C-alpha atoms as a PDB file:
ATOM      1  CA  UNK A   1    -231.160 119.023  56.481  1.00  0.00           C
ATOM      2  CA  UNK A   2    -234.332 117.596  55.033  1.00  0.00           C
ATOM      3  CA  UNK A   3    -237.625 119.385  54.466  1.00  0.00           C
ATOM      4  CA  UNK A   4    -241.197 118.506  53.666  1.00  0.00           C
ATOM      5  CA  UNK A   5    -244.171 120.603  52.755  1.00  0.00           C
ATOM      6  CA  UNK A   6    -247.456 118.799  52.390  1.00  0.00           C
ATOM      7  CA  UNK A   7    -251.204 119.400  52.111  1.00  0.00           C
ATOM      8  CA  UNK A   8    -253.814 117.361  53.927  1.00  0.00           C
ATOM      9  CA  UNK A   9    -257.509 117.639  53.128  1.00  0.00           C
ATOM     10  CA  UNK A  10    -259.619 117.150  56.201  1.00  0.00           C
ATOM     11  CA  UNK A  11    -263.108 115.661  56.018  1.00  0.00           C
ATOM     12  CA  UNK A  12    -265.725 118.391  55.709  1.00  0.00           C
ATOM     13  CA  UNK A  13    -265.865 120.603  58.792  1.00  0.00           C
ATOM     14  CA  UNK A  14    -263.210 118.570  60.690  1.00  0.00           C
ATOM     15  CA  UNK A  15    -260.117 120.643  60.023  1.00  0.00           C
ATOM     16  CA  UNK A  16    -259.770 121.985  63.581  1.00  0.00           C
ATOM     17  CA  UNK A  17    -259.982 118.536  65.167  1.00  0.00           C
ATOM     18  CA  UNK A  18    -257.408 117.211  62.734  1.00  0.00           C
ATOM     19  CA  UNK A  19    -255.101 120.141  63.501  1.00  0.00           C
ATOM     20  CA  UNK A  20    -255.409 119.469  67.225  1.00  0.00           C
ATOM     21  CA  UNK A  21    -254.532 115.786  66.730  1.00  0.00           C
ATOM     22  CA  UNK A  22    -251.540 116.639  64.590  1.00  0.00           C
ATOM     23  CA  UNK A  23    -250.191 119.195  67.011  1.00  0.00           C
ATOM     24  CA  UNK A  24    -250.644 116.990  70.065  1.00  0.00           C
ATOM     25  CA  UNK A  25    -248.800 114.080  68.443  1.00  0.00           C
ATOM     26  CA  UNK A  26    -245.585 115.857  67.786  1.00  0.00           C
ATOM     27  CA  UNK A  27    -244.194 116.891  71.142  1.00  0.00           C
ATOM     28  CA  UNK A  28    -240.959 114.865  71.200  1.00  0.00           C
ATOM     29  CA  UNK A  29    -239.505 114.159  67.800  1.00  0.00           C
ATOM     30  CA  UNK A  30    -235.684 113.831  67.834  1.00  0.00           C
ATOM     31  CA  UNK A  31    -234.127 115.672  64.909  1.00  0.00           C
ATOM     32  CA  UNK A  32    -237.160 117.801  64.188  1.00  0.00           C
ATOM     33  CA  UNK A  33    -236.019 121.451  63.862  1.00  0.00           C
ATOM     34  CA  UNK A  34    -239.358 122.889  62.840  1.00  0.00           C
ATOM     35  CA  UNK A  35    -242.958 121.511  62.533  1.00  0.00           C
ATOM     36  CA  UNK A  36    -245.644 124.060  61.461  1.00  0.00           C
ATOM     37  CA  UNK A  37    -249.296 123.211  60.942  1.00  0.00           C
ATOM     38  CA  UNK A  38    -251.226 125.930  59.056  1.00  0.00           C
ATOM     39  CA  UNK A  39    -254.745 126.477  57.860  1.00  0.00           C
ATOM     40  CA  UNK A  40    -255.153 127.089  54.128  1.00  0.00           C
ATOM     41  CA  UNK A  41    -256.808 130.497  53.861  1.00  0.00           C
ATOM     42  CA  UNK A  42    -258.527 129.582  50.551  1.00  0.00           C
ATOM     43  CA  UNK A  43    -259.850 126.136  51.477  1.00  0.00           C
ATOM     44  CA  UNK A  44    -261.674 125.721  54.743  1.00  0.00           C
ATOM     45  CA  UNK A  45    -260.813 121.983  54.891  1.00  0.00           C
ATOM     46  CA  UNK A  46    -257.145 122.103  53.909  1.00  0.00           C
ATOM     47  CA  UNK A  47    -254.051 122.037  56.120  1.00  0.00           C
ATOM     48  CA  UNK A  48    -250.457 122.624  55.213  1.00  0.00           C
ATOM     49  CA  UNK A  49    -247.628 121.055  57.156  1.00  0.00           C
ATOM     50  CA  UNK A  50    -244.124 122.373  56.863  1.00  0.00           C
ATOM     51  CA  UNK A  51    -241.320 120.274  58.441  1.00  0.00           C
ATOM     52  CA  UNK A  52    -237.578 120.763  58.773  1.00  0.00           C
ATOM     53  CA  UNK A  53    -235.417 117.854  59.983  1.00  0.00           C
ATOM     54  CA  UNK A  54    -231.712 117.478  60.634  1.00  0.00           C
ATOM     55  CA  UNK A  55    -231.834 114.497  58.197  1.00  0.00           C
ATOM     56  CA  UNK A  56    -234.155 112.368  56.182  1.00  0.00           C
ATOM     57  CA  UNK A  57    -233.334 109.484  58.547  1.00  0.00           C
ATOM     58  CA  UNK A  58    -234.685 111.437  61.502  1.00  0.00           C
ATOM     59  CA  UNK A  59    -237.921 112.045  59.688  1.00  0.00           C
ATOM     60  CA  UNK A  60    -238.297 108.334  58.890  1.00  0.00           C
ATOM     61  CA  UNK A  61    -237.526 107.384  62.437  1.00  0.00           C
ATOM     62  CA  UNK A  62    -240.191 109.807  63.741  1.00  0.00           C
ATOM     63  CA  UNK A  63    -242.883 107.776  62.008  1.00  0.00           C
ATOM     64  CA  UNK A  64    -242.141 104.874  64.315  1.00  0.00           C
ATOM     65  CA  UNK A  65    -242.538 106.878  67.529  1.00  0.00           C
ATOM     66  CA  UNK A  66    -245.523 105.782  69.633  1.00  0.00           C
ATOM     67  CA  UNK A  67    -246.846 109.393  69.925  1.00  0.00           C
ATOM     68  CA  UNK A  68    -246.676 109.855  66.118  1.00  0.00           C
ATOM     69  CA  UNK A  69    -248.274 106.466  65.450  1.00  0.00           C
ATOM     70  CA  UNK A  70    -251.077 107.296  67.877  1.00  0.00           C
ATOM     71  CA  UNK A  71    -251.664 110.642  66.168  1.00  0.00           C
ATOM     72  CA  UNK A  72    -251.794 108.972  62.786  1.00  0.00           C
ATOM     73  CA  UNK A  73    -254.302 106.389  64.052  1.00  0.00           C
ATOM     74  CA  UNK A  74    -256.514 109.070  65.730  1.00  0.00           C
ATOM     75  CA  UNK A  75    -256.349 111.408  62.807  1.00  0.00           C
ATOM     76  CA  UNK A  76    -256.977 108.859  59.950  1.00  0.00           C
ATOM     77  CA  UNK A  77    -260.774 109.118  60.124  1.00  0.00           C
ATOM     78  CA  UNK A  78    -260.572 112.955  59.797  1.00  0.00           C
ATOM     79  CA  UNK A  79    -258.412 112.828  56.590  1.00  0.00           C
ATOM     80  CA  UNK A  80    -260.286 112.994  53.299  1.00  0.00           C
ATOM     81  CA  UNK A  81    -257.072 112.935  51.255  1.00  0.00           C
ATOM     82  CA  UNK A  82    -253.671 114.377  50.558  1.00  0.00           C
ATOM     83  CA  UNK A  83    -252.641 117.094  48.123  1.00  0.00           C
ATOM     84  CA  UNK A  84    -249.391 118.392  47.053  1.00  0.00           C
ATOM     85  CA  UNK A  85    -246.203 117.103  48.704  1.00  0.00           C
ATOM     86  CA  UNK A  86    -242.750 118.711  48.149  1.00  0.00           C
ATOM     87  CA  UNK A  87    -239.396 117.566  49.495  1.00  0.00           C
ATOM     88  CA  UNK A  88    -236.893 120.386  50.083  1.00  0.00           C
ATOM     89  CA  UNK A  89    -233.264 120.841  51.236  1.00  0.00           C
ATOM     90  CA  UNK A  90    -233.366 123.597  53.755  1.00  0.00           C
ATOM     91  CA  UNK A  91    -230.116 125.666  53.949  1.00  0.00           C
ATOM     92  CA  UNK A  92    -230.911 127.934  56.869  1.00  0.00           C
ATOM     93  CA  UNK A  93    -233.235 130.542  58.181  1.00  0.00           C
ATOM     94  CA  UNK A  94    -234.689 131.875  61.400  1.00  0.00           C
ATOM     95  CA  UNK A  95    -235.266 129.206  64.060  1.00  0.00           C
ATOM     96  CA  UNK A  96    -233.363 126.483  62.274  1.00  0.00           C
END
């Protein structure tokens, strides 16, 4: 399995719009076992995304899907920047 945890900084006051865009663009992603978008409780403009995939190749392939490409294009203007990014190797857990 392949995992990613990343932080996105939304433009001031636009976090909820960006969250909606991110959640609407990820309905059908083959190989995605878990995709969680969370608000950062200490930063009103920050979002954390936690992903678990069956493989790194599935994650790469997801970036070419039309729905994901559209979400990236729609969300781009609401992104102020990116923070920490961690790759992980999930070994199991609930819902995986």
